[in-house]
Amino acid sequence: MTLTRAIRWLASIILVLALTVLVAVRVTAEPRLKVVTTILPLTDLAREVAGDRADVRQLIPPSAEIHHFQLRPSDLKLLAGADLLLAVGGGLEPWLNRLEKTLVLDKKTRHLKFLDCLKSEGFPAVRQDDPHVWLDFEADRHLVKALVREMSELDPEGAALYAKRGQLLLDKLQALDERYLQELSSCRHREIILAGHQAFSYLAARYGLTLISLTGPQPEALPGARKLQEIINLVRERQIGAIFYESSHPPAYARTVARETGAALYSLSAGVNLTEAQLKAGRSFLDLMSDNLLVLKTALKCD
């Protein structure tokens, strides 16, 4: 064999090997599952469990108002092609019930609803009047376990990966839960005065805090003058120094209470909405929850 032929032969072998590696990488990197979620907390938990093995798409943009969201034609196509649809349930996504029967006829899409999952497991902390269940980190752990089961059944070859990543996420949630329990145990004040709708019942109940909100669970509800005055009187009588508002809602009522009482304003995130700056920074649901803890510690004067 001449030197030229040897070089050509070697080059051919290298090219074949390179193509083989590229094909293998493409096959490995291609997502096995198509998962559609409704809100940011569910999206982040699903991505943490699945890694690159699933294509996780979120229906409701993190900058949109969840309660007023309207499905677009592109969303219907996305839903029809999903292997798994992950939602909260409990009326948080009112348009979902109307679509489920149609989607089942189009494709055997698996449906996993957070609240239904907790009820089936007898989770004791489920509140009938509040769908913001993702703000209870023990509830989130139940959902992660359910996600590992669902994804493993849909994609048995990835079961070991889902189990491993799921356990890492369970550890993160437990660590965050323990931080909340420890760091909020010695707060001088135990009331969260929320000048808005009742979005943090789960969080307050889990850590022994009392939530007093201006309105009930419906974000559209407007407080009357009498209720507003009751909150102002309560803040004055108990010498409460912190007024909270949900970061994704205008703090008009919070400012009124603060102006009348001299209390300071603090914002809490419900973990659903992200600002443009937070989006660019790649902030996650767990990041937002860590931020909430720092705000609570400062506002409630925790040692």
C-alpha atoms as a PDB file:
ATOM      1  CA  MET A   1       0.000   0.000   0.000  1.00  0.00           C
ATOM      2  CA  THR A   2       1.423   3.367  -1.045  1.00  0.00           C
ATOM      3  CA  LEU A   3       1.636   6.258   1.405  1.00  0.00           C
ATOM      4  CA  THR A   4      -1.105   8.160  -0.464  1.00  0.00           C
ATOM      5  CA  ARG A   5      -3.497   5.192  -0.363  1.00  0.00           C
ATOM      6  CA  ALA A   6      -2.736   4.647   3.317  1.00  0.00           C
ATOM      7  CA  ILE A   7      -3.555   8.277   4.093  1.00  0.00           C
ATOM      8  CA  ARG A   8      -6.828   8.050   2.162  1.00  0.00           C
ATOM      9  CA  TRP A   9      -7.763   4.825   3.949  1.00  0.00           C
ATOM     10  CA  LEU A  10      -7.002   6.362   7.344  1.00  0.00           C
ATOM     11  CA  ALA A  11      -8.999   9.462   6.476  1.00  0.00           C
ATOM     12  CA  SER A  12     -11.983   7.285   5.472  1.00  0.00           C
ATOM     13  CA  ILE A  13     -11.850   5.418   8.782  1.00  0.00           C
ATOM     14  CA  ILE A  14     -11.723   8.693  10.745  1.00  0.00           C
ATOM     15  CA  LEU A  15     -14.690  10.069   8.768  1.00  0.00           C
ATOM     16  CA  VAL A  16     -16.778   6.951   9.444  1.00  0.00           C
ATOM     17  CA  LEU A  17     -15.964   7.090  13.154  1.00  0.00           C
ATOM     18  CA  ALA A  18     -16.810  10.795  13.305  1.00  0.00           C
ATOM     19  CA  LEU A  19     -20.175  10.239  11.602  1.00  0.00           C
ATOM     20  CA  THR A  20     -20.924   7.364  13.989  1.00  0.00           C
ATOM     21  CA  VAL A  21     -20.216   9.568  16.996  1.00  0.00           C
ATOM     22  CA  LEU A  22     -22.362  12.403  15.609  1.00  0.00           C
ATOM     23  CA  VAL A  23     -25.309  10.052  15.012  1.00  0.00           C
ATOM     24  CA  ALA A  24     -24.940   8.611  18.522  1.00  0.00           C
ATOM     25  CA  VAL A  25     -24.886  12.092  20.037  1.00  0.00           C
ATOM     26  CA  ARG A  26     -28.011  13.117  18.100  1.00  0.00           C
ATOM     27  CA  VAL A  27     -29.857   9.970  19.178  1.00  0.00           C
ATOM     28  CA  THR A  28     -28.818  10.457  22.814  1.00  0.00           C
ATOM     29  CA  ALA A  29     -29.638  14.168  22.888  1.00  0.00           C
ATOM     30  CA  GLU A  30     -33.048  13.888  21.222  1.00  0.00           C
ATOM     31  CA  PRO A  31     -35.787  14.213  23.886  1.00  0.00           C
ATOM     32  CA  ARG A  32     -37.774  11.034  24.502  1.00  0.00           C
ATOM     33  CA  LEU A  33     -40.779  12.750  26.047  1.00  0.00           C
ATOM     34  CA  LYS A  34     -42.867  15.800  25.264  1.00  0.00           C
ATOM     35  CA  VAL A  35     -44.134  17.388  28.469  1.00  0.00           C
ATOM     36  CA  VAL A  36     -46.488  20.377  28.596  1.00  0.00           C
ATOM     37  CA  THR A  37     -46.933  22.323  31.831  1.00  0.00           C
ATOM     38  CA  THR A  38     -49.113  25.254  32.793  1.00  0.00           C
ATOM     39  CA  ILE A  39     -47.009  27.388  35.192  1.00  0.00           C
ATOM     40  CA  LEU A  40     -43.393  28.026  36.176  1.00  0.00           C
ATOM     41  CA  PRO A  41     -43.150  25.886  39.362  1.00  0.00           C
ATOM     42  CA  LEU A  42     -44.388  22.821  37.477  1.00  0.00           C
ATOM     43  CA  THR A  43     -42.061  23.573  34.558  1.00  0.00           C
ATOM     44  CA  ASP A  44     -38.988  23.843  36.759  1.00  0.00           C
ATOM     45  CA  LEU A  45     -39.785  20.656  38.697  1.00  0.00           C
ATOM     46  CA  ALA A  46     -40.416  18.701  35.480  1.00  0.00           C
ATOM     47  CA  ARG A  47     -37.170  19.920  33.894  1.00  0.00           C
ATOM     48  CA  GLU A  48     -35.193  19.092  37.023  1.00  0.00           C
ATOM     49  CA  VAL A  49     -36.481  15.506  36.946  1.00  0.00           C
ATOM     50  CA  ALA A  50     -36.206  14.935  33.189  1.00  0.00           C
ATOM     51  CA  GLY A  51     -33.024  16.780  32.232  1.00  0.00           C
ATOM     52  CA  ASP A  52     -32.378  16.572  28.488  1.00  0.00           C
ATOM     53  CA  ARG A  53     -34.509  13.459  28.168  1.00  0.00           C
ATOM     54  CA  ALA A  54     -37.730  15.474  27.843  1.00  0.00           C
ATOM     55  CA  ASP A  55     -38.809  18.564  25.956  1.00  0.00           C
ATOM     56  CA  VAL A  56     -40.729  20.567  28.580  1.00  0.00           C
ATOM     57  CA  ARG A  57     -42.887  23.419  27.268  1.00  0.00           C
ATOM     58  CA  GLN A  58     -44.893  25.877  29.381  1.00  0.00           C
ATOM     59  CA  LEU A  59     -48.283  27.086  28.196  1.00  0.00           C
ATOM     60  CA  ILE A  60     -48.698  30.230  30.300  1.00  0.00           C
ATOM     61  CA  PRO A  61     -45.797  32.673  29.828  1.00  0.00           C
ATOM     62  CA  PRO A  62     -44.104  33.596  33.129  1.00  0.00           C
ATOM     63  CA  SER A  63     -44.916  37.247  32.470  1.00  0.00           C
ATOM     64  CA  ALA A  64     -48.658  36.593  31.967  1.00  0.00           C
ATOM     65  CA  GLU A  65     -51.489  36.706  34.493  1.00  0.00           C
ATOM     66  CA  ILE A  66     -52.357  33.075  35.138  1.00  0.00           C
ATOM     67  CA  HIS A  67     -56.027  33.676  35.986  1.00  0.00           C
ATOM     68  CA  HIS A  68     -56.751  35.561  32.745  1.00  0.00           C
ATOM     69  CA  PHE A  69     -54.780  33.406  30.312  1.00  0.00           C
ATOM     70  CA  GLN A  70     -56.449  32.488  27.024  1.00  0.00           C
ATOM     71  CA  LEU A  71     -55.294  29.531  24.922  1.00  0.00           C
ATOM     72  CA  ARG A  72     -53.933  30.243  21.452  1.00  0.00           C
ATOM     73  CA  PRO A  73     -54.230  27.941  18.397  1.00  0.00           C
ATOM     74  CA  SER A  74     -50.532  27.076  18.748  1.00  0.00           C
ATOM     75  CA  ASP A  75     -51.217  25.942  22.324  1.00  0.00           C
ATOM     76  CA  LEU A  76     -53.824  23.456  21.123  1.00  0.00           C
ATOM     77  CA  LYS A  77     -51.298  21.911  18.737  1.00  0.00           C
ATOM     78  CA  LEU A  78     -48.738  21.720  21.527  1.00  0.00           C
ATOM     79  CA  LEU A  79     -51.224  20.041  23.875  1.00  0.00           C
ATOM     80  CA  ALA A  80     -52.332  17.522  21.261  1.00  0.00           C
ATOM     81  CA  GLY A  81     -48.734  16.370  20.748  1.00  0.00           C
ATOM     82  CA  ALA A  82     -47.841  15.995  24.426  1.00  0.00           C
ATOM     83  CA  ASP A  83     -46.993  12.718  26.131  1.00  0.00           C
ATOM     84  CA  LEU A  84     -47.648  14.232  29.553  1.00  0.00           C
ATOM     85  CA  LEU A  85     -49.726  17.238  30.580  1.00  0.00           C
ATOM     86  CA  LEU A  86     -48.809  18.610  34.011  1.00  0.00           C
ATOM     87  CA  ALA A  87     -51.267  21.023  35.639  1.00  0.00           C
ATOM     88  CA  VAL A  88     -52.284  22.242  39.092  1.00  0.00           C
ATOM     89  CA  GLY A  89     -56.035  21.623  38.865  1.00  0.00           C
ATOM     90  CA  GLY A  90     -58.529  22.875  41.397  1.00  0.00           C
ATOM     91  CA  GLY A  91     -59.890  25.531  39.063  1.00  0.00           C
ATOM     92  CA  LEU A  92     -56.577  27.328  38.588  1.00  0.00           C
ATOM     93  CA  GLU A  93     -56.697  26.476  34.859  1.00  0.00           C
ATOM     94  CA  PRO A  94     -60.468  26.727  34.138  1.00  0.00           C
ATOM     95  CA  TRP A  95     -59.989  26.127  30.404  1.00  0.00           C
ATOM     96  CA  LEU A  96     -58.366  22.740  31.012  1.00  0.00           C
ATOM     97  CA  ASN A  97     -61.508  20.773  31.867  1.00  0.00           C
ATOM     98  CA  ARG A  98     -63.144  21.787  28.589  1.00  0.00           C
ATOM     99  CA  LEU A  99     -60.185  20.504  26.575  1.00  0.00           C
ATOM    100  CA  GLU A 100     -59.381  17.225  28.272  1.00  0.00           C
ATOM    101  CA  LYS A 101     -61.947  15.043  26.524  1.00  0.00           C
ATOM    102  CA  THR A 102     -60.964  16.355  23.087  1.00  0.00           C
ATOM    103  CA  LEU A 103     -57.267  15.830  23.793  1.00  0.00           C
ATOM    104  CA  VAL A 104     -57.834  12.265  24.936  1.00  0.00           C
ATOM    105  CA  LEU A 105     -59.582  11.496  21.645  1.00  0.00           C
ATOM    106  CA  ASP A 106     -56.677  12.959  19.653  1.00  0.00           C
ATOM    107  CA  LYS A 107     -53.930  11.228  21.577  1.00  0.00           C
ATOM    108  CA  LYS A 108     -53.432   9.186  24.734  1.00  0.00           C
ATOM    109  CA  THR A 109     -51.881  12.090  26.581  1.00  0.00           C
ATOM    110  CA  ARG A 110     -51.215  11.311  30.248  1.00  0.00           C
ATOM    111  CA  HIS A 111     -52.624  13.941  32.613  1.00  0.00           C
ATOM    112  CA  LEU A 112     -51.077  14.667  36.011  1.00  0.00           C
ATOM    113  CA  LYS A 113     -52.872  17.212  38.188  1.00  0.00           C
ATOM    114  CA  PHE A 114     -51.029  18.365  41.281  1.00  0.00           C
ATOM    115  CA  LEU A 115     -54.080  18.681  43.557  1.00  0.00           C
ATOM    116  CA  ASP A 116     -55.574  15.364  42.423  1.00  0.00           C
ATOM    117  CA  CYS A 117     -52.245  13.683  43.119  1.00  0.00           C
ATOM    118  CA  LEU A 118     -52.165  15.052  46.681  1.00  0.00           C
ATOM    119  CA  LYS A 119     -55.790  14.124  47.371  1.00  0.00           C
ATOM    120  CA  SER A 120     -55.261  10.560  46.139  1.00  0.00           C
ATOM    121  CA  GLU A 121     -52.318  10.211  48.516  1.00  0.00           C
ATOM    122  CA  GLY A 122     -54.260  11.662  51.449  1.00  0.00           C
ATOM    123  CA  PHE A 123     -52.025  14.709  51.807  1.00  0.00           C
ATOM    124  CA  PRO A 124     -53.465  16.360  54.949  1.00  0.00           C
ATOM    125  CA  ALA A 125     -52.663  19.981  54.137  1.00  0.00           C
ATOM    126  CA  VAL A 126     -54.802  20.345  50.973  1.00  0.00           C
ATOM    127  CA  ARG A 127     -56.945  23.485  51.205  1.00  0.00           C
ATOM    128  CA  GLN A 128     -60.183  23.533  49.236  1.00  0.00           C
ATOM    129  CA  ASP A 129     -60.169  27.322  48.842  1.00  0.00           C
ATOM    130  CA  ASP A 130     -56.571  27.814  47.710  1.00  0.00           C
ATOM    131  CA  PRO A 131     -54.906  26.234  44.641  1.00  0.00           C
ATOM    132  CA  HIS A 132     -51.431  27.715  45.388  1.00  0.00           C
ATOM    133  CA  VAL A 133     -50.243  24.322  46.600  1.00  0.00           C
ATOM    134  CA  TRP A 134     -46.750  24.639  45.093  1.00  0.00           C
ATOM    135  CA  LEU A 135     -45.883  27.011  47.975  1.00  0.00           C
ATOM    136  CA  ASP A 136     -45.840  23.972  50.290  1.00  0.00           C
ATOM    137  CA  PHE A 137     -42.476  22.285  49.707  1.00  0.00           C
ATOM    138  CA  GLU A 138     -43.635  18.995  51.209  1.00  0.00           C
ATOM    139  CA  ALA A 139     -46.421  18.957  48.624  1.00  0.00           C
ATOM    140  CA  ASP A 140     -43.804  19.626  45.946  1.00  0.00           C
ATOM    141  CA  ARG A 141     -41.937  16.526  47.083  1.00  0.00           C
ATOM    142  CA  HIS A 142     -45.069  14.442  46.503  1.00  0.00           C
ATOM    143  CA  LEU A 143     -45.344  15.860  42.994  1.00  0.00           C
ATOM    144  CA  VAL A 144     -41.694  15.071  42.221  1.00  0.00           C
ATOM    145  CA  LYS A 145     -42.247  11.433  43.195  1.00  0.00           C
ATOM    146  CA  ALA A 146     -45.329  11.308  40.974  1.00  0.00           C
ATOM    147  CA  LEU A 147     -43.344  12.822  38.094  1.00  0.00           C
ATOM    148  CA  VAL A 148     -40.640  10.182  38.445  1.00  0.00           C
ATOM    149  CA  ARG A 149     -43.312   7.454  38.277  1.00  0.00           C
ATOM    150  CA  GLU A 150     -45.104   8.957  35.265  1.00  0.00           C
ATOM    151  CA  MET A 151     -41.954   9.623  33.250  1.00  0.00           C
ATOM    152  CA  SER A 152     -40.545   6.177  34.041  1.00  0.00           C
ATOM    153  CA  GLU A 153     -43.730   4.515  32.786  1.00  0.00           C
ATOM    154  CA  LEU A 154     -43.737   6.579  29.620  1.00  0.00           C
ATOM    155  CA  ASP A 155     -40.001   6.099  29.030  1.00  0.00           C
ATOM    156  CA  PRO A 156     -38.793   2.927  30.834  1.00  0.00           C
ATOM    157  CA  GLU A 157     -35.262   3.258  29.410  1.00  0.00           C
ATOM    158  CA  GLY A 158     -34.872   6.541  31.281  1.00  0.00           C
ATOM    159  CA  ALA A 159     -36.224   5.262  34.615  1.00  0.00           C
ATOM    160  CA  ALA A 160     -32.816   5.178  36.323  1.00  0.00           C
ATOM    161  CA  LEU A 161     -32.042   8.740  35.226  1.00  0.00           C
ATOM    162  CA  TYR A 162     -35.452  10.022  36.371  1.00  0.00           C
ATOM    163  CA  ALA A 163     -35.016   8.333  39.742  1.00  0.00           C
ATOM    164  CA  LYS A 164     -31.536   9.784  40.235  1.00  0.00           C
ATOM    165  CA  ARG A 165     -32.477  13.321  39.206  1.00  0.00           C
ATOM    166  CA  GLY A 166     -35.720  13.082  41.167  1.00  0.00           C
ATOM    167  CA  GLN A 167     -33.830  12.218  44.344  1.00  0.00           C
ATOM    168  CA  LEU A 168     -31.501  15.191  43.868  1.00  0.00           C
ATOM    169  CA  LEU A 169     -34.542  17.451  43.550  1.00  0.00           C
ATOM    170  CA  LEU A 170     -36.186  15.911  46.613  1.00  0.00           C
ATOM    171  CA  ASP A 171     -33.029  16.693  48.573  1.00  0.00           C
ATOM    172  CA  LYS A 172     -33.084  20.319  47.376  1.00  0.00           C
ATOM    173  CA  LEU A 173     -36.721  20.734  48.392  1.00  0.00           C
ATOM    174  CA  GLN A 174     -36.123  19.160  51.781  1.00  0.00           C
ATOM    175  CA  ALA A 175     -33.120  21.406  52.407  1.00  0.00           C
ATOM    176  CA  LEU A 176     -35.170  24.499  51.504  1.00  0.00           C
ATOM    177  CA  ASP A 177     -38.041  23.331  53.704  1.00  0.00           C
ATOM    178  CA  GLU A 178     -35.674  22.828  56.642  1.00  0.00           C
ATOM    179  CA  ARG A 179     -34.201  26.298  56.120  1.00  0.00           C
ATOM    180  CA  TYR A 180     -37.694  27.814  56.286  1.00  0.00           C
ATOM    181  CA  LEU A 181     -38.572  25.799  59.406  1.00  0.00           C
ATOM    182  CA  GLN A 182     -35.379  26.754  61.192  1.00  0.00           C
ATOM    183  CA  GLU A 183     -35.017  30.382  60.157  1.00  0.00           C
ATOM    184  CA  LEU A 184     -38.679  31.314  60.691  1.00  0.00           C
ATOM    185  CA  SER A 185     -38.948  29.602  64.064  1.00  0.00           C
ATOM    186  CA  SER A 186     -37.675  32.582  66.057  1.00  0.00           C
ATOM    187  CA  CYS A 187     -39.484  35.473  64.390  1.00  0.00           C
ATOM    188  CA  ARG A 188     -40.585  38.321  66.664  1.00  0.00           C
ATOM    189  CA  HIS A 189     -43.744  38.754  64.581  1.00  0.00           C
ATOM    190  CA  ARG A 190     -45.842  35.839  63.308  1.00  0.00           C
ATOM    191  CA  GLU A 191     -48.426  37.627  61.140  1.00  0.00           C
ATOM    192  CA  ILE A 192     -48.178  38.082  57.384  1.00  0.00           C
ATOM    193  CA  ILE A 193     -50.411  41.060  56.609  1.00  0.00           C
ATOM    194  CA  LEU A 194     -51.004  40.694  52.878  1.00  0.00           C
ATOM    195  CA  ALA A 195     -52.595  43.657  51.086  1.00  0.00           C
ATOM    196  CA  GLY A 196     -53.895  41.470  48.297  1.00  0.00           C
ATOM    197  CA  HIS A 197     -55.579  38.139  47.640  1.00  0.00           C
ATOM    198  CA  GLN A 198     -55.034  35.023  49.709  1.00  0.00           C
ATOM    199  CA  ALA A 199     -52.092  33.465  47.847  1.00  0.00           C
ATOM    200  CA  PHE A 200     -49.790  32.344  50.664  1.00  0.00           C
ATOM    201  CA  SER A 201     -52.019  30.172  52.869  1.00  0.00           C
ATOM    202  CA  TYR A 202     -49.928  27.046  52.309  1.00  0.00           C
ATOM    203  CA  LEU A 203     -46.661  28.791  53.095  1.00  0.00           C
ATOM    204  CA  ALA A 204     -47.999  30.437  56.253  1.00  0.00           C
ATOM    205  CA  ALA A 205     -49.637  27.267  57.577  1.00  0.00           C
ATOM    206  CA  ARG A 206     -46.543  25.118  57.094  1.00  0.00           C
ATOM    207  CA  TYR A 207     -44.301  27.426  59.106  1.00  0.00           C
ATOM    208  CA  GLY A 208     -46.674  28.387  61.889  1.00  0.00           C
ATOM    209  CA  LEU A 209     -47.400  31.880  60.597  1.00  0.00           C
ATOM    210  CA  THR A 210     -50.772  33.629  60.470  1.00  0.00           C
ATOM    211  CA  LEU A 211     -51.865  34.988  57.098  1.00  0.00           C
ATOM    212  CA  ILE A 212     -54.258  37.936  57.155  1.00  0.00           C
ATOM    213  CA  SER A 213     -55.183  38.996  53.634  1.00  0.00           C
ATOM    214  CA  LEU A 214     -57.195  41.907  52.346  1.00  0.00           C
ATOM    215  CA  THR A 215     -59.279  39.688  50.038  1.00  0.00           C
ATOM    216  CA  GLY A 216     -59.983  35.990  49.590  1.00  0.00           C
ATOM    217  CA  PRO A 217     -58.499  33.480  47.132  1.00  0.00           C
ATOM    218  CA  GLN A 218     -59.854  35.209  44.009  1.00  0.00           C
ATOM    219  CA  PRO A 219     -57.306  37.709  42.634  1.00  0.00           C
ATOM    220  CA  GLU A 220     -60.034  39.781  40.959  1.00  0.00           C
ATOM    221  CA  ALA A 221     -61.774  40.521  44.267  1.00  0.00           C
ATOM    222  CA  LEU A 222     -61.656  44.119  45.454  1.00  0.00           C
ATOM    223  CA  PRO A 223     -61.683  44.989  49.151  1.00  0.00           C
ATOM    224  CA  GLY A 224     -64.342  47.254  50.561  1.00  0.00           C
ATOM    225  CA  ALA A 225     -63.545  50.364  52.553  1.00  0.00           C
ATOM    226  CA  ARG A 226     -64.583  48.593  55.760  1.00  0.00           C
ATOM    227  CA  LYS A 227     -62.161  45.697  55.234  1.00  0.00           C
ATOM    228  CA  LEU A 228     -59.342  48.079  54.379  1.00  0.00           C
ATOM    229  CA  GLN A 229     -59.954  50.029  57.581  1.00  0.00           C
ATOM    230  CA  GLU A 230     -60.009  46.788  59.593  1.00  0.00           C
ATOM    231  CA  ILE A 231     -56.544  45.912  58.317  1.00  0.00           C
ATOM    232  CA  ILE A 232     -55.268  49.422  59.075  1.00  0.00           C
ATOM    233  CA  ASN A 233     -56.648  49.240  62.628  1.00  0.00           C
ATOM    234  CA  LEU A 234     -55.149  45.789  63.145  1.00  0.00           C
ATOM    235  CA  VAL A 235     -51.700  46.941  62.041  1.00  0.00           C
ATOM    236  CA  ARG A 236     -51.885  49.914  64.390  1.00  0.00           C
ATOM    237  CA  GLU A 237     -53.158  47.954  67.394  1.00  0.00           C
ATOM    238  CA  ARG A 238     -50.547  45.195  67.110  1.00  0.00           C
ATOM    239  CA  GLN A 239     -47.800  47.603  66.100  1.00  0.00           C
ATOM    240  CA  ILE A 240     -47.022  45.523  63.019  1.00  0.00           C
ATOM    241  CA  GLY A 241     -44.142  46.966  61.048  1.00  0.00           C
ATOM    242  CA  ALA A 242     -44.439  45.064  57.736  1.00  0.00           C
ATOM    243  CA  ILE A 243     -47.043  45.024  54.977  1.00  0.00           C
ATOM    244  CA  PHE A 244     -46.675  42.450  52.204  1.00  0.00           C
ATOM    245  CA  TYR A 245     -47.913  42.439  48.636  1.00  0.00           C
ATOM    246  CA  GLU A 246     -47.601  39.912  45.820  1.00  0.00           C
ATOM    247  CA  SER A 247     -44.799  40.958  43.484  1.00  0.00           C
ATOM    248  CA  SER A 248     -46.834  40.382  40.307  1.00  0.00           C
ATOM    249  CA  HIS A 249     -49.691  42.679  41.385  1.00  0.00           C
ATOM    250  CA  PRO A 250     -49.774  46.486  41.753  1.00  0.00           C
ATOM    251  CA  PRO A 251     -49.173  47.414  45.417  1.00  0.00           C
ATOM    252  CA  ALA A 252     -51.802  50.174  45.545  1.00  0.00           C
ATOM    253  CA  TYR A 253     -53.611  48.833  48.623  1.00  0.00           C
ATOM    254  CA  ALA A 254     -50.340  47.963  50.322  1.00  0.00           C
ATOM    255  CA  ARG A 255     -49.188  51.550  49.865  1.00  0.00           C
ATOM    256  CA  THR A 256     -52.429  52.816  51.393  1.00  0.00           C
ATOM    257  CA  VAL A 257     -52.008  50.647  54.485  1.00  0.00           C
ATOM    258  CA  ALA A 258     -48.345  51.592  54.778  1.00  0.00           C
ATOM    259  CA  ARG A 259     -49.120  55.297  54.456  1.00  0.00           C
ATOM    260  CA  GLU A 260     -51.792  55.111  57.156  1.00  0.00           C
ATOM    261  CA  THR A 261     -49.745  53.036  59.595  1.00  0.00           C
ATOM    262  CA  GLY A 262     -46.097  53.805  58.920  1.00  0.00           C
ATOM    263  CA  ALA A 263     -45.364  50.130  58.214  1.00  0.00           C
ATOM    264  CA  ALA A 264     -42.716  49.175  55.647  1.00  0.00           C
ATOM    265  CA  LEU A 265     -43.562  47.488  52.327  1.00  0.00           C
ATOM    266  CA  TYR A 266     -42.240  44.057  51.346  1.00  0.00           C
ATOM    267  CA  SER A 267     -42.998  41.980  48.237  1.00  0.00           C
ATOM    268  CA  LEU A 268     -43.385  38.211  48.114  1.00  0.00           C
ATOM    269  CA  SER A 269     -43.327  36.089  44.975  1.00  0.00           C
ATOM    270  CA  ALA A 270     -45.959  33.413  44.409  1.00  0.00           C
ATOM    271  CA  GLY A 271     -43.373  31.659  42.251  1.00  0.00           C
ATOM    272  CA  VAL A 272     -45.349  31.977  39.023  1.00  0.00           C
ATOM    273  CA  ASN A 273     -44.329  35.268  37.420  1.00  0.00           C
ATOM    274  CA  LEU A 274     -40.892  36.507  36.435  1.00  0.00           C
ATOM    275  CA  THR A 275     -39.824  40.019  35.550  1.00  0.00           C
ATOM    276  CA  GLU A 276     -37.810  40.658  32.396  1.00  0.00           C
ATOM    277  CA  ALA A 277     -34.660  40.988  34.499  1.00  0.00           C
ATOM    278  CA  GLN A 278     -35.373  37.686  36.278  1.00  0.00           C
ATOM    279  CA  LEU A 279     -35.966  35.966  32.953  1.00  0.00           C
ATOM    280  CA  LYS A 280     -32.628  37.198  31.610  1.00  0.00           C
ATOM    281  CA  ALA A 281     -30.880  36.092  34.801  1.00  0.00           C
ATOM    282  CA  GLY A 282     -32.382  32.595  34.536  1.00  0.00           C
ATOM    283  CA  ARG A 283     -34.078  32.750  37.943  1.00  0.00           C
ATOM    284  CA  SER A 284     -35.887  29.561  38.915  1.00  0.00           C
ATOM    285  CA  PHE A 285     -38.843  28.732  41.143  1.00  0.00           C
ATOM    286  CA  LEU A 286     -36.504  27.630  43.928  1.00  0.00           C
ATOM    287  CA  ASP A 287     -34.537  30.865  43.557  1.00  0.00           C
ATOM    288  CA  LEU A 288     -37.747  32.855  44.061  1.00  0.00           C
ATOM    289  CA  MET A 289     -38.578  30.811  47.148  1.00  0.00           C
ATOM    290  CA  SER A 290     -35.115  31.456  48.604  1.00  0.00           C
ATOM    291  CA  ASP A 291     -35.678  35.175  47.988  1.00  0.00           C
ATOM    292  CA  ASN A 292     -39.009  34.956  49.834  1.00  0.00           C
ATOM    293  CA  LEU A 293     -37.292  33.484  52.871  1.00  0.00           C
ATOM    294  CA  LEU A 294     -34.860  36.408  53.057  1.00  0.00           C
ATOM    295  CA  VAL A 295     -37.748  38.879  52.793  1.00  0.00           C
ATOM    296  CA  LEU A 296     -39.743  37.118  55.521  1.00  0.00           C
ATOM    297  CA  LYS A 297     -36.770  36.977  57.873  1.00  0.00           C
ATOM    298  CA  THR A 298     -36.192  40.707  57.515  1.00  0.00           C
ATOM    299  CA  ALA A 299     -39.833  41.787  57.673  1.00  0.00           C
ATOM    300  CA  LEU A 300     -40.839  39.529  60.596  1.00  0.00           C
ATOM    301  CA  LYS A 301     -37.633  40.300  62.494  1.00  0.00           C
ATOM    302  CA  CYS A 302     -36.345  36.750  62.816  1.00  0.00           C
ATOM    303  CA  ASP A 303     -33.178  36.138  64.837  1.00  0.00           C
END
